[in-house]
C-alpha cells in the first residue's frame, strides 16, 4: 500500500515536471518551430535565450 502511494506520488511528480518542460518549450524560439526539444536541449536553449534577452535589455538601456 505504501509502495503504491509512493509510485503514485512519483507519477504525479513526473507529470508535473514534464508539463513544465512542455510549457518552457513553447516559449523558446526554435527552427523548425514544431521540433520537439529534449529536456537537456530545452534547458540549454532556455539559458541561452535568457542571456540573449538580457543582453538586449542591457544594450537598450545604455
PDB file of N, CA and C in Angstrom:
ATOM      1  N   UNK A   1       0.834  -1.208   0.000  1.00  0.00           N
ATOM      2  CA  UNK A   1       0.000   0.000   0.000  1.00  0.00           C
ATOM      3  C   UNK A   1       0.874   1.266   0.000  1.00  0.00           C
ATOM      4  N   UNK A   2       1.902   1.278   0.837  1.00  0.00           N
ATOM      5  CA  UNK A   2       2.805   2.437   0.863  1.00  0.00           C
ATOM      6  C   UNK A   2       3.551   2.564  -0.460  1.00  0.00           C
ATOM      7  N   UNK A   3       3.930   1.422  -1.042  1.00  0.00           N
ATOM      8  CA  UNK A   3       4.645   1.432  -2.313  1.00  0.00           C
ATOM      9  C   UNK A   3       3.756   2.007  -3.410  1.00  0.00           C
ATOM     10  N   UNK A   4       2.481   1.641  -3.420  1.00  0.00           N
ATOM     11  CA  UNK A   4       1.547   2.170  -4.417  1.00  0.00           C
ATOM     12  C   UNK A   4       1.386   3.678  -4.267  1.00  0.00           C
ATOM     13  N   UNK A   5       1.335   4.144  -3.037  1.00  0.00           N
ATOM     14  CA  UNK A   5       1.215   5.584  -2.794  1.00  0.00           C
ATOM     15  C   UNK A   5       2.472   6.304  -3.265  1.00  0.00           C
ATOM     16  N   UNK A   6       3.640   5.714  -2.989  1.00  0.00           N
ATOM     17  CA  UNK A   6       4.902   6.318  -3.424  1.00  0.00           C
ATOM     18  C   UNK A   6       4.980   6.350  -4.949  1.00  0.00           C
ATOM     19  N   UNK A   7       4.543   5.268  -5.580  1.00  0.00           N
ATOM     20  CA  UNK A   7       4.543   5.229  -7.048  1.00  0.00           C
ATOM     21  C   UNK A   7       3.614   6.288  -7.629  1.00  0.00           C
ATOM     22  N   UNK A   8       2.461   6.465  -7.015  1.00  0.00           N
ATOM     23  CA  UNK A   8       1.513   7.482  -7.483  1.00  0.00           C
ATOM     24  C   UNK A   8       2.096   8.879  -7.321  1.00  0.00           C
ATOM     25  N   UNK A   9       2.758   9.138  -6.203  1.00  0.00           N
ATOM     26  CA  UNK A   9       3.389  10.455  -5.995  1.00  0.00           C
ATOM     27  C   UNK A   9       4.478  10.699  -7.037  1.00  0.00           C
ATOM     28  N   UNK A  10       5.268   9.674  -7.330  1.00  0.00           N
ATOM     29  CA  UNK A  10       6.332   9.816  -8.322  1.00  0.00           C
ATOM     30  C   UNK A  10       5.746  10.056  -9.716  1.00  0.00           C
ATOM     31  N   UNK A  11       4.674   9.365 -10.047  1.00  0.00           N
ATOM     32  CA  UNK A  11       4.000   9.590 -11.335  1.00  0.00           C
ATOM     33  C   UNK A  11       3.508  11.027 -11.439  1.00  0.00           C
ATOM     34  N   UNK A  12       2.904  11.523 -10.371  1.00  0.00           N
ATOM     35  CA  UNK A  12       2.420  12.911 -10.361  1.00  0.00           C
ATOM     36  C   UNK A  12       3.570  13.899 -10.497  1.00  0.00           C
ATOM     37  N   UNK A  13       4.668  13.623  -9.807  1.00  0.00           N
ATOM     38  CA  UNK A  13       5.840  14.490  -9.889  1.00  0.00           C
ATOM     39  C   UNK A  13       6.386  14.501 -11.317  1.00  0.00           C
ATOM     40  N   UNK A  14       6.487  13.321 -11.918  1.00  0.00           N
ATOM     41  CA  UNK A  14       6.988  13.211 -13.287  1.00  0.00           C
ATOM     42  C   UNK A  14       6.085  13.952 -14.266  1.00  0.00           C
ATOM     43  N   UNK A  15       4.776  13.795 -14.109  1.00  0.00           N
ATOM     44  CA  UNK A  15       3.834  14.520 -14.973  1.00  0.00           C
ATOM     45  C   UNK A  15       3.996  16.026 -14.805  1.00  0.00           C
ATOM     46  N   UNK A  16       4.200  16.472 -13.582  1.00  0.00           N
ATOM     47  CA  UNK A  16       4.367  17.896 -13.309  1.00  0.00           C
ATOM     48  C   UNK A  16       5.640  18.437 -13.965  1.00  0.00           C
ATOM     49  N   UNK A  17       6.731  17.699 -13.836  1.00  0.00           N
ATOM     50  CA  UNK A  17       8.000  18.119 -14.443  1.00  0.00           C
ATOM     51  C   UNK A  17       7.863  18.147 -15.964  1.00  0.00           C
ATOM     52  N   UNK A  18       7.250  17.116 -16.529  1.00  0.00           N
ATOM     53  CA  UNK A  18       7.077  17.076 -17.985  1.00  0.00           C
ATOM     54  C   UNK A  18       6.185  18.209 -18.479  1.00  0.00           C
ATOM     55  N   UNK A  19       5.153  18.539 -17.732  1.00  0.00           N
ATOM     56  CA  UNK A  19       4.281  19.657 -18.110  1.00  0.00           C
ATOM     57  C   UNK A  19       5.060  20.972 -18.081  1.00  0.00           C
ATOM     58  N   UNK A  20       5.924  21.135 -17.096  1.00  0.00           N
ATOM     59  CA  UNK A  20       6.736  22.352 -17.010  1.00  0.00           C
ATOM     60  C   UNK A  20       7.706  22.439 -18.189  1.00  0.00           C
ATOM     61  N   UNK A  21       8.315  21.315 -18.574  1.00  0.00           N
ATOM     62  CA  UNK A  21       9.199  21.311 -19.739  1.00  0.00           C
ATOM     63  C   UNK A  21       8.424  21.655 -21.007  1.00  0.00           C
ATOM     64  N   UNK A  22       7.225  21.108 -21.146  1.00  0.00           N
ATOM     65  CA  UNK A  22       6.409  21.417 -22.328  1.00  0.00           C
ATOM     66  C   UNK A  22       6.058  22.899 -22.382  1.00  0.00           C
ATOM     67  N   UNK A  23       5.734  23.482 -21.245  1.00  0.00           N
ATOM     68  CA  UNK A  23       5.424  24.913 -21.198  1.00  0.00           C
ATOM     69  C   UNK A  23       6.654  25.737 -21.570  1.00  0.00           C
ATOM     70  N   UNK A  24       7.820  25.331 -21.081  1.00  0.00           N
ATOM     71  CA  UNK A  24       9.057  26.044 -21.395  1.00  0.00           C
ATOM     72  C   UNK A  24       9.391  25.917 -22.874  1.00  0.00           C
ATOM     73  N   UNK A  25       9.184  24.735 -23.452  1.00  0.00           N
ATOM     74  CA  UNK A  25       9.455  24.532 -24.885  1.00  0.00           C
ATOM     75  C   UNK A  25       8.655  25.504 -25.753  1.00  0.00           C
ATOM     76  N   UNK A  26       7.436  25.814 -25.327  1.00  0.00           N
ATOM     77  CA  UNK A  26       6.594  26.724 -26.111  1.00  0.00           C
ATOM     78  C   UNK A  26       7.133  28.152 -26.114  1.00  0.00           C
ATOM     79  N   UNK A  27       7.938  28.501 -25.129  1.00  0.00           N
ATOM     80  CA  UNK A  27       8.453  29.865 -25.004  1.00  0.00           C
ATOM     81  C   UNK A  27       9.787  30.076 -25.708  1.00  0.00           C
ATOM     82  N   UNK A  28      10.420  28.981 -26.134  1.00  0.00           N
ATOM     83  CA  UNK A  28      11.743  29.075 -26.752  1.00  0.00           C
ATOM     84  C   UNK A  28      11.594  29.039 -28.270  1.00  0.00           C
ATOM     85  N   UNK A  29      12.107  30.060 -28.962  1.00  0.00           N
ATOM     86  CA  UNK A  29      12.030  30.032 -30.426  1.00  0.00           C
ATOM     87  C   UNK A  29      12.970  28.965 -30.991  1.00  0.00           C
ATOM     88  N   UNK A  30      12.430  28.090 -31.833  1.00  0.00           N
ATOM     89  CA  UNK A  30      13.242  27.043 -32.465  1.00  0.00           C
ATOM     90  C   UNK A  30      12.956  27.019 -33.954  1.00  0.00           C
ATOM     91  N   UNK A  31      13.855  26.422 -34.688  1.00  0.00           N
ATOM     92  CA  UNK A  31      13.681  26.277 -36.130  1.00  0.00           C
ATOM     93  C   UNK A  31      13.980  24.838 -36.491  1.00  0.00           C
ATOM     94  N   UNK A  32      13.057  24.067 -36.993  1.00  0.00           N
ATOM     95  CA  UNK A  32      11.657  24.414 -37.240  1.00  0.00           C
ATOM     96  C   UNK A  32      10.874  24.523 -35.937  1.00  0.00           C
ATOM     97  N   UNK A  33       9.806  25.258 -35.971  1.00  0.00           N
ATOM     98  CA  UNK A  33       9.069  25.569 -34.741  1.00  0.00           C
ATOM     99  C   UNK A  33       8.367  24.356 -34.140  1.00  0.00           C
ATOM    100  N   UNK A  34       8.108  23.323 -34.948  1.00  0.00           N
ATOM    101  CA  UNK A  34       7.420  22.144 -34.419  1.00  0.00           C
ATOM    102  C   UNK A  34       8.380  21.063 -33.924  1.00  0.00           C
ATOM    103  N   UNK A  35       9.671  21.348 -33.947  1.00  0.00           N
ATOM    104  CA  UNK A  35      10.666  20.373 -33.493  1.00  0.00           C
ATOM    105  C   UNK A  35      10.582  20.215 -31.978  1.00  0.00           C
ATOM    106  N   UNK A  36      10.509  18.964 -31.507  1.00  0.00           N
ATOM    107  CA  UNK A  36      10.439  18.719 -30.070  1.00  0.00           C
ATOM    108  C   UNK A  36      11.865  18.622 -29.528  1.00  0.00           C
ATOM    109  N   UNK A  37      12.168  19.482 -28.588  1.00  0.00           N
ATOM    110  CA  UNK A  37      13.494  19.501 -27.984  1.00  0.00           C
ATOM    111  C   UNK A  37      13.563  18.488 -26.850  1.00  0.00           C
ATOM    112  N   UNK A  38      14.753  17.919 -26.654  1.00  0.00           N
ATOM    113  CA  UNK A  38      14.952  17.064 -25.486  1.00  0.00           C
ATOM    114  C   UNK A  38      14.985  17.954 -24.245  1.00  0.00           C
ATOM    115  N   UNK A  39      14.952  17.335 -23.093  1.00  0.00           N
ATOM    116  CA  UNK A  39      14.969  18.121 -21.854  1.00  0.00           C
ATOM    117  C   UNK A  39      16.261  18.913 -21.728  1.00  0.00           C
ATOM    118  N   UNK A  40      17.391  18.287 -22.036  1.00  0.00           N
ATOM    119  CA  UNK A  40      18.671  18.998 -21.906  1.00  0.00           C
ATOM    120  C   UNK A  40      18.765  20.108 -22.952  1.00  0.00           C
ATOM    121  N   UNK A  41      18.272  19.859 -24.174  1.00  0.00           N
ATOM    122  CA  UNK A  41      18.253  20.919 -25.191  1.00  0.00           C
ATOM    123  C   UNK A  41      17.372  22.078 -24.745  1.00  0.00           C
ATOM    124  N   UNK A  42      16.242  21.754 -24.139  1.00  0.00           N
ATOM    125  CA  UNK A  42      15.326  22.785 -23.654  1.00  0.00           C
ATOM    126  C   UNK A  42      16.013  23.657 -22.618  1.00  0.00           C
ATOM    127  N   UNK A  43      16.680  23.037 -21.658  1.00  0.00           N
ATOM    128  CA  UNK A  43      17.365  23.807 -20.614  1.00  0.00           C
ATOM    129  C   UNK A  43      18.494  24.653 -21.187  1.00  0.00           C
ATOM    130  N   UNK A  44      19.276  24.076 -22.081  1.00  0.00           N
ATOM    131  CA  UNK A  44      20.400  24.823 -22.665  1.00  0.00           C
ATOM    132  C   UNK A  44      19.916  25.993 -23.517  1.00  0.00           C
ATOM    133  N   UNK A  45      18.904  25.746 -24.342  1.00  0.00           N
ATOM    134  CA  UNK A  45      18.382  26.831 -25.181  1.00  0.00           C
ATOM    135  C   UNK A  45      17.690  27.903 -24.353  1.00  0.00           C
ATOM    136  N   UNK A  46      16.987  27.497 -23.304  1.00  0.00           N
ATOM    137  CA  UNK A  46      16.334  28.483 -22.436  1.00  0.00           C
ATOM    138  C   UNK A  46      17.379  29.376 -21.779  1.00  0.00           C
ATOM    139  N   UNK A  47      18.447  28.771 -21.297  1.00  0.00           N
ATOM    140  CA  UNK A  47      19.522  29.542 -20.668  1.00  0.00           C
ATOM    141  C   UNK A  47      20.145  30.513 -21.670  1.00  0.00           C
ATOM    142  N   UNK A  48      20.403  30.029 -22.860  1.00  0.00           N
ATOM    143  CA  UNK A  48      20.982  30.870 -23.902  1.00  0.00           C
ATOM    144  C   UNK A  48      20.029  31.997 -24.302  1.00  0.00           C
ATOM    145  N   UNK A  49      18.752  31.678 -24.404  1.00  0.00           N
ATOM    146  CA  UNK A  49      17.746  32.676 -24.787  1.00  0.00           C
ATOM    147  C   UNK A  49      17.608  33.753 -23.713  1.00  0.00           C
ATOM    148  N   UNK A  50      17.648  33.353 -22.454  1.00  0.00           N
ATOM    149  CA  UNK A  50      17.585  34.320 -21.350  1.00  0.00           C
ATOM    150  C   UNK A  50      18.792  35.249 -21.398  1.00  0.00           C
ATOM    151  N   UNK A  51      19.980  34.680 -21.640  1.00  0.00           N
ATOM    152  CA  UNK A  51      21.186  35.502 -21.745  1.00  0.00           C
ATOM    153  C   UNK A  51      21.068  36.479 -22.915  1.00  0.00           C
ATOM    154  N   UNK A  52      20.540  36.007 -24.032  1.00  0.00           N
ATOM    155  CA  UNK A  52      20.350  36.857 -25.212  1.00  0.00           C
ATOM    156  C   UNK A  52      19.389  38.008 -24.905  1.00  0.00           C
ATOM    157  N   UNK A  53      18.270  37.687 -24.275  1.00  0.00           N
ATOM    158  CA  UNK A  53      17.300  38.733 -23.932  1.00  0.00           C
ATOM    159  C   UNK A  53      17.880  39.722 -22.923  1.00  0.00           C
ATOM    160  N   UNK A  54      18.667  39.226 -21.987  1.00  0.00           N
ATOM    161  CA  UNK A  54      19.316  40.112 -21.009  1.00  0.00           C
ATOM    162  C   UNK A  54      20.263  41.075 -21.704  1.00  0.00           C
ATOM    163  N   UNK A  55      21.012  40.571 -22.680  1.00  0.00           N
ATOM    164  CA  UNK A  55      21.931  41.422 -23.441  1.00  0.00           C
ATOM    165  C   UNK A  55      21.165  42.512 -24.180  1.00  0.00           C
ATOM    166  N   UNK A  56      20.040  42.143 -24.763  1.00  0.00           N
ATOM    167  CA  UNK A  56      19.213  43.129 -25.471  1.00  0.00           C
ATOM    168  C   UNK A  56      18.722  44.203 -24.499  1.00  0.00           C
ATOM    169  N   UNK A  57      18.281  43.785 -23.326  1.00  0.00           N
ATOM    170  CA  UNK A  57      17.796  44.753 -22.335  1.00  0.00           C
ATOM    171  C   UNK A  57      18.909  45.686 -21.870  1.00  0.00           C
ATOM    172  N   UNK A  58      20.078  45.130 -21.615  1.00  0.00           N
ATOM    173  CA  UNK A  58      21.207  45.938 -21.134  1.00  0.00           C
ATOM    174  C   UNK A  58      21.643  46.930 -22.213  1.00  0.00           C
ATOM    175  N   UNK A  59      21.771  46.466 -23.450  1.00  0.00           N
ATOM    176  CA  UNK A  59      22.221  47.362 -24.518  1.00  0.00           C
ATOM    177  C   UNK A  59      21.154  48.402 -24.857  1.00  0.00           C
ATOM    178  N   UNK A  60      19.909  48.093 -24.606  1.00  0.00           N
ATOM    179  CA  UNK A  60      18.839  49.038 -24.885  1.00  0.00           C
ATOM    180  C   UNK A  60      18.740  50.155 -23.876  1.00  0.00           C
ATOM    181  N   UNK A  61      19.269  49.942 -22.674  1.00  0.00           N
ATOM    182  CA  UNK A  61      19.179  50.965 -21.633  1.00  0.00           C
ATOM    183  C   UNK A  61      20.388  51.884 -21.615  1.00  0.00           C
ATOM    184  N   UNK A  62      21.397  51.569 -22.389  1.00  0.00           N
ATOM    185  CA  UNK A  62      22.602  52.408 -22.373  1.00  0.00           C
ATOM    186  C   UNK A  62      22.636  53.362 -23.536  1.00  0.00           C
TER     187      UNK A  62
END
